[in-house]
Amino acid sequence: MKVSTVRTYALSLHEATEAPHFTYQSFRVRDKIFVTVPPGEETIHIVLPEAQREQALALHPQFIEKLVWGKSATGVRVTLARAEAAVVKALILAGWQNKAPKALRDAHSR
């Protein structure tokens, strides 16, 4: 999977935008980050709640690892070269849903 595919999908979600975040690129919904892309574009970081993070880690350890930011686990790191596109898209959507306001989530599901 390539970052261009991640970008296309992330930006297809309601009100998603792309902006720099220090040395990373980020995808946001109403200024809340749901995906970051580190320099080199070999991995992406998806911000997820604990239950979804743990499920992704259990089901796809071949390309997903826990993302720790400071002292907290905040999501998952996905190695794009080994990733399954459908899984990555589902996780990006879950990250977006976690950050988007309810009204926006409802509008997206219509």
N, C-alpha and C. Protein backbone atom coordinates (compact mmCIF):
# COMPACT_ATOMS: atom_id res chain seq x y z
N MET A 1 0.85 -1.18 0.00
CA MET A 1 0.00 0.00 0.00
C MET A 1 0.90 1.24 0.00
N LYS A 2 0.45 2.27 -0.66
CA LYS A 2 1.23 3.50 -0.76
C LYS A 2 0.54 4.64 -0.02
N VAL A 3 1.34 5.62 0.35
CA VAL A 3 0.79 6.79 1.04
C VAL A 3 -0.23 7.51 0.15
N SER A 4 -0.04 7.47 -1.14
CA SER A 4 -1.01 8.13 -2.03
C SER A 4 -2.40 7.53 -1.88
N THR A 5 -2.48 6.22 -1.65
CA THR A 5 -3.77 5.56 -1.42
C THR A 5 -4.35 5.99 -0.08
N VAL A 6 -3.50 6.06 0.94
CA VAL A 6 -3.93 6.54 2.26
C VAL A 6 -4.48 7.96 2.13
N ARG A 7 -3.75 8.82 1.45
CA ARG A 7 -4.15 10.22 1.28
C ARG A 7 -5.51 10.31 0.59
N THR A 8 -5.65 9.60 -0.52
CA THR A 8 -6.91 9.64 -1.27
C THR A 8 -8.08 9.20 -0.40
N TYR A 9 -7.89 8.11 0.34
CA TYR A 9 -8.98 7.62 1.17
C TYR A 9 -9.26 8.58 2.33
N ALA A 10 -8.22 9.00 3.04
CA ALA A 10 -8.42 9.88 4.20
C ALA A 10 -9.14 11.17 3.78
N LEU A 11 -8.74 11.73 2.65
CA LEU A 11 -9.35 12.98 2.21
C LEU A 11 -10.75 12.80 1.64
N SER A 12 -11.16 11.55 1.41
CA SER A 12 -12.53 11.30 0.94
C SER A 12 -13.54 11.36 2.09
N LEU A 13 -13.06 11.34 3.32
CA LEU A 13 -13.95 11.38 4.48
C LEU A 13 -14.41 12.83 4.72
N HIS A 14 -15.64 12.98 5.19
CA HIS A 14 -16.24 14.31 5.37
C HIS A 14 -15.32 15.23 6.17
N GLU A 15 -15.08 16.40 5.60
CA GLU A 15 -14.33 17.49 6.23
C GLU A 15 -12.90 17.11 6.60
N ALA A 16 -12.35 16.08 6.01
CA ALA A 16 -10.96 15.72 6.27
C ALA A 16 -10.05 16.69 5.53
N THR A 17 -8.97 17.07 6.19
CA THR A 17 -7.98 17.96 5.60
C THR A 17 -6.60 17.39 5.85
N GLU A 18 -5.63 17.86 5.07
CA GLU A 18 -4.24 17.47 5.25
C GLU A 18 -3.45 18.70 5.65
N ALA A 19 -2.56 18.54 6.64
CA ALA A 19 -1.74 19.66 7.10
C ALA A 19 -0.45 19.13 7.70
N PRO A 20 0.61 19.94 7.68
CA PRO A 20 1.84 19.52 8.35
C PRO A 20 1.63 19.41 9.86
N HIS A 21 2.38 18.51 10.47
CA HIS A 21 2.40 18.36 11.93
C HIS A 21 3.86 18.11 12.29
N PHE A 22 4.58 19.17 12.59
CA PHE A 22 6.02 19.13 12.79
C PHE A 22 6.66 18.56 11.52
N THR A 23 7.40 17.45 11.59
CA THR A 23 8.02 16.88 10.39
C THR A 23 7.12 15.85 9.71
N TYR A 24 5.91 15.66 10.23
CA TYR A 24 4.96 14.69 9.70
C TYR A 24 3.92 15.40 8.84
N GLN A 25 3.20 14.63 8.04
CA GLN A 25 1.96 15.09 7.44
C GLN A 25 0.84 14.55 8.33
N SER A 26 -0.26 15.24 8.38
CA SER A 26 -1.38 14.76 9.19
C SER A 26 -2.68 14.91 8.43
N PHE A 27 -3.62 14.05 8.78
CA PHE A 27 -4.98 14.13 8.28
C PHE A 27 -5.84 14.42 9.50
N ARG A 28 -6.73 15.39 9.32
CA ARG A 28 -7.51 15.89 10.45
C ARG A 28 -8.98 16.03 10.08
N VAL A 29 -9.80 15.99 11.10
CA VAL A 29 -11.19 16.34 10.94
C VAL A 29 -11.47 17.42 11.98
N ARG A 30 -11.84 18.60 11.50
CA ARG A 30 -12.05 19.76 12.36
C ARG A 30 -10.88 19.96 13.33
N ASP A 31 -9.69 19.93 12.76
CA ASP A 31 -8.42 20.16 13.47
C ASP A 31 -8.01 19.05 14.43
N LYS A 32 -8.71 17.95 14.46
CA LYS A 32 -8.32 16.82 15.31
C LYS A 32 -7.64 15.77 14.44
N ILE A 33 -6.43 15.41 14.80
CA ILE A 33 -5.63 14.47 14.00
C ILE A 33 -6.16 13.05 14.16
N PHE A 34 -6.34 12.36 13.03
CA PHE A 34 -6.69 10.94 13.07
C PHE A 34 -5.65 10.07 12.39
N VAL A 35 -4.79 10.62 11.54
CA VAL A 35 -3.69 9.88 10.90
C VAL A 35 -2.50 10.81 10.76
N THR A 36 -1.29 10.28 11.02
CA THR A 36 -0.07 11.00 10.69
C THR A 36 0.81 10.13 9.81
N VAL A 37 1.63 10.81 9.02
CA VAL A 37 2.56 10.13 8.12
C VAL A 37 3.96 10.63 8.44
N PRO A 38 4.81 9.77 9.03
CA PRO A 38 6.18 10.18 9.33
C PRO A 38 7.01 10.37 8.05
N PRO A 39 8.10 11.12 8.15
CA PRO A 39 9.00 11.24 7.01
C PRO A 39 9.42 9.86 6.51
N GLY A 40 9.61 9.73 5.22
CA GLY A 40 9.97 8.44 4.63
C GLY A 40 8.77 7.69 4.09
N GLU A 41 7.61 7.97 4.65
CA GLU A 41 6.33 7.42 4.19
C GLU A 41 6.29 5.89 4.12
N GLU A 42 7.03 5.23 5.00
CA GLU A 42 7.01 3.76 5.08
C GLU A 42 5.94 3.26 6.02
N THR A 43 5.55 4.11 6.96
CA THR A 43 4.53 3.77 7.94
C THR A 43 3.52 4.91 8.04
N ILE A 44 2.38 4.61 8.65
CA ILE A 44 1.43 5.64 9.05
C ILE A 44 1.04 5.37 10.49
N HIS A 45 0.59 6.39 11.16
CA HIS A 45 0.09 6.27 12.53
C HIS A 45 -1.39 6.59 12.50
N ILE A 46 -2.19 5.72 13.08
CA ILE A 46 -3.64 5.93 13.14
C ILE A 46 -4.04 6.03 14.60
N VAL A 47 -4.69 7.11 14.96
CA VAL A 47 -5.14 7.33 16.34
C VAL A 47 -6.44 6.55 16.54
N LEU A 48 -6.40 5.63 17.51
CA LEU A 48 -7.56 4.77 17.76
C LEU A 48 -7.81 4.63 19.25
N PRO A 49 -9.07 4.41 19.64
CA PRO A 49 -9.35 4.08 21.03
C PRO A 49 -8.81 2.70 21.38
N GLU A 50 -8.65 2.44 22.64
CA GLU A 50 -8.00 1.22 23.12
C GLU A 50 -8.61 -0.07 22.55
N ALA A 51 -9.91 -0.21 22.57
CA ALA A 51 -10.54 -1.46 22.13
C ALA A 51 -10.22 -1.75 20.66
N GLN A 52 -10.31 -0.74 19.81
CA GLN A 52 -10.01 -0.94 18.39
C GLN A 52 -8.52 -1.18 18.17
N ARG A 53 -7.70 -0.47 18.93
CA ARG A 53 -6.25 -0.67 18.83
C ARG A 53 -5.89 -2.10 19.19
N GLU A 54 -6.40 -2.59 20.29
CA GLU A 54 -6.06 -3.94 20.75
C GLU A 54 -6.56 -5.00 19.77
N GLN A 55 -7.74 -4.79 19.20
CA GLN A 55 -8.26 -5.74 18.21
C GLN A 55 -7.38 -5.76 16.96
N ALA A 56 -6.98 -4.60 16.49
CA ALA A 56 -6.11 -4.53 15.31
C ALA A 56 -4.77 -5.20 15.57
N LEU A 57 -4.22 -4.98 16.75
CA LEU A 57 -2.94 -5.61 17.11
C LEU A 57 -3.06 -7.12 17.15
N ALA A 58 -4.16 -7.62 17.67
CA ALA A 58 -4.36 -9.07 17.77
C ALA A 58 -4.58 -9.71 16.41
N LEU A 59 -5.30 -9.03 15.53
CA LEU A 59 -5.65 -9.61 14.23
C LEU A 59 -4.58 -9.46 13.16
N HIS A 60 -3.75 -8.42 13.26
CA HIS A 60 -2.82 -8.12 12.17
C HIS A 60 -1.41 -7.79 12.66
N PRO A 61 -0.81 -8.65 13.48
CA PRO A 61 0.53 -8.34 14.01
C PRO A 61 1.61 -8.31 12.93
N GLN A 62 1.33 -8.84 11.76
CA GLN A 62 2.32 -8.85 10.69
C GLN A 62 2.58 -7.46 10.11
N PHE A 63 1.65 -6.51 10.30
CA PHE A 63 1.89 -5.16 9.79
C PHE A 63 1.42 -4.04 10.71
N ILE A 64 0.94 -4.39 11.91
CA ILE A 64 0.47 -3.38 12.86
C ILE A 64 1.20 -3.55 14.18
N GLU A 65 1.63 -2.43 14.74
CA GLU A 65 2.22 -2.44 16.07
C GLU A 65 1.65 -1.29 16.89
N LYS A 66 1.80 -1.38 18.19
CA LYS A 66 1.27 -0.36 19.09
C LYS A 66 2.04 0.95 18.90
N LEU A 67 1.33 2.04 18.87
CA LEU A 67 1.92 3.37 18.77
C LEU A 67 1.89 4.00 20.16
N VAL A 68 3.06 4.28 20.68
CA VAL A 68 3.18 4.93 21.99
C VAL A 68 3.66 6.35 21.77
N TRP A 69 2.95 7.29 22.36
CA TRP A 69 3.30 8.69 22.27
C TRP A 69 3.50 9.17 23.70
N GLY A 70 4.72 9.48 24.07
CA GLY A 70 5.01 9.79 25.47
C GLY A 70 4.92 8.51 26.27
N LYS A 71 4.06 8.50 27.27
CA LYS A 71 3.87 7.31 28.10
C LYS A 71 2.57 6.58 27.80
N SER A 72 1.82 7.06 26.80
CA SER A 72 0.50 6.49 26.51
C SER A 72 0.47 5.83 25.14
N ALA A 73 -0.27 4.75 25.04
CA ALA A 73 -0.56 4.14 23.74
C ALA A 73 -1.70 4.94 23.14
N THR A 74 -1.48 5.47 21.93
CA THR A 74 -2.47 6.35 21.32
C THR A 74 -3.11 5.77 20.07
N GLY A 75 -2.56 4.69 19.57
CA GLY A 75 -3.09 4.13 18.33
C GLY A 75 -2.19 3.04 17.81
N VAL A 76 -2.09 2.95 16.49
CA VAL A 76 -1.29 1.91 15.85
C VAL A 76 -0.36 2.50 14.81
N ARG A 77 0.76 1.82 14.62
CA ARG A 77 1.69 2.12 13.53
C ARG A 77 1.52 1.01 12.51
N VAL A 78 1.29 1.39 11.27
CA VAL A 78 1.05 0.44 10.18
C VAL A 78 2.24 0.49 9.22
N THR A 79 2.85 -0.67 8.96
CA THR A 79 3.90 -0.77 7.97
C THR A 79 3.24 -0.98 6.62
N LEU A 80 3.32 0.04 5.77
CA LEU A 80 2.55 0.05 4.53
C LEU A 80 2.95 -1.05 3.55
N ALA A 81 4.20 -1.40 3.47
CA ALA A 81 4.64 -2.41 2.49
C ALA A 81 3.99 -3.76 2.74
N ARG A 82 3.63 -4.05 3.98
CA ARG A 82 3.03 -5.35 4.31
C ARG A 82 1.52 -5.26 4.55
N ALA A 83 0.97 -4.08 4.52
CA ALA A 83 -0.41 -3.85 4.94
C ALA A 83 -1.44 -4.31 3.92
N GLU A 84 -2.58 -4.74 4.43
CA GLU A 84 -3.75 -5.06 3.61
C GLU A 84 -4.59 -3.79 3.49
N ALA A 85 -4.81 -3.36 2.26
CA ALA A 85 -5.49 -2.09 2.01
C ALA A 85 -6.85 -2.00 2.70
N ALA A 86 -7.64 -3.05 2.64
CA ALA A 86 -8.98 -3.02 3.23
C ALA A 86 -8.91 -2.81 4.74
N VAL A 87 -7.94 -3.43 5.38
CA VAL A 87 -7.77 -3.27 6.83
C VAL A 87 -7.35 -1.84 7.15
N VAL A 88 -6.40 -1.32 6.40
CA VAL A 88 -5.93 0.05 6.64
C VAL A 88 -7.07 1.04 6.45
N LYS A 89 -7.84 0.89 5.40
CA LYS A 89 -8.97 1.80 5.18
C LYS A 89 -9.97 1.72 6.32
N ALA A 90 -10.24 0.52 6.81
CA ALA A 90 -11.18 0.38 7.93
C ALA A 90 -10.63 1.05 9.18
N LEU A 91 -9.33 0.96 9.40
CA LEU A 91 -8.73 1.60 10.58
C LEU A 91 -8.71 3.12 10.43
N ILE A 92 -8.44 3.61 9.23
CA ILE A 92 -8.50 5.05 9.00
C ILE A 92 -9.90 5.57 9.26
N LEU A 93 -10.91 4.86 8.77
CA LEU A 93 -12.30 5.25 9.03
C LEU A 93 -12.58 5.25 10.53
N ALA A 94 -12.11 4.24 11.24
CA ALA A 94 -12.33 4.17 12.68
C ALA A 94 -11.65 5.35 13.39
N GLY A 95 -10.45 5.71 12.94
CA GLY A 95 -9.77 6.86 13.51
C GLY A 95 -10.53 8.15 13.26
N TRP A 96 -11.03 8.31 12.03
CA TRP A 96 -11.84 9.48 11.68
C TRP A 96 -13.10 9.52 12.55
N GLN A 97 -13.80 8.39 12.68
CA GLN A 97 -15.02 8.34 13.48
C GLN A 97 -14.75 8.69 14.93
N ASN A 98 -13.59 8.30 15.43
CA ASN A 98 -13.23 8.58 16.80
C ASN A 98 -13.03 10.08 17.05
N LYS A 99 -12.61 10.81 16.04
CA LYS A 99 -12.31 12.23 16.19
C LYS A 99 -13.43 13.16 15.69
N ALA A 100 -14.25 12.67 14.77
CA ALA A 100 -15.29 13.52 14.18
C ALA A 100 -16.45 13.72 15.16
N PRO A 101 -17.07 14.91 15.14
CA PRO A 101 -18.26 15.12 15.96
C PRO A 101 -19.40 14.21 15.49
N LYS A 102 -20.32 13.93 16.40
CA LYS A 102 -21.42 13.00 16.10
C LYS A 102 -22.22 13.42 14.87
N ALA A 103 -22.52 14.69 14.73
CA ALA A 103 -23.31 15.14 13.58
C ALA A 103 -22.59 14.84 12.26
N LEU A 104 -21.29 14.99 12.26
CA LEU A 104 -20.51 14.71 11.07
C LEU A 104 -20.44 13.21 10.79
N ARG A 105 -20.31 12.42 11.84
CA ARG A 105 -20.33 10.95 11.68
C ARG A 105 -21.67 10.51 11.11
N ASP A 106 -22.75 11.08 11.62
CA ASP A 106 -24.09 10.73 11.14
C ASP A 106 -24.26 11.10 9.66
N ALA A 107 -23.75 12.26 9.27
CA ALA A 107 -23.85 12.71 7.88
C ALA A 107 -23.04 11.78 6.96
N HIS A 108 -21.92 11.30 7.44
CA HIS A 108 -21.06 10.43 6.64
C HIS A 108 -21.72 9.06 6.41
N SER A 109 -22.47 8.59 7.39
CA SER A 109 -23.06 7.25 7.28
C SER A 109 -24.30 7.22 6.39
N ARG A 110 -24.78 8.36 5.97
CA ARG A 110 -25.96 8.41 5.09
C ARG A 110 -25.60 8.09 3.67
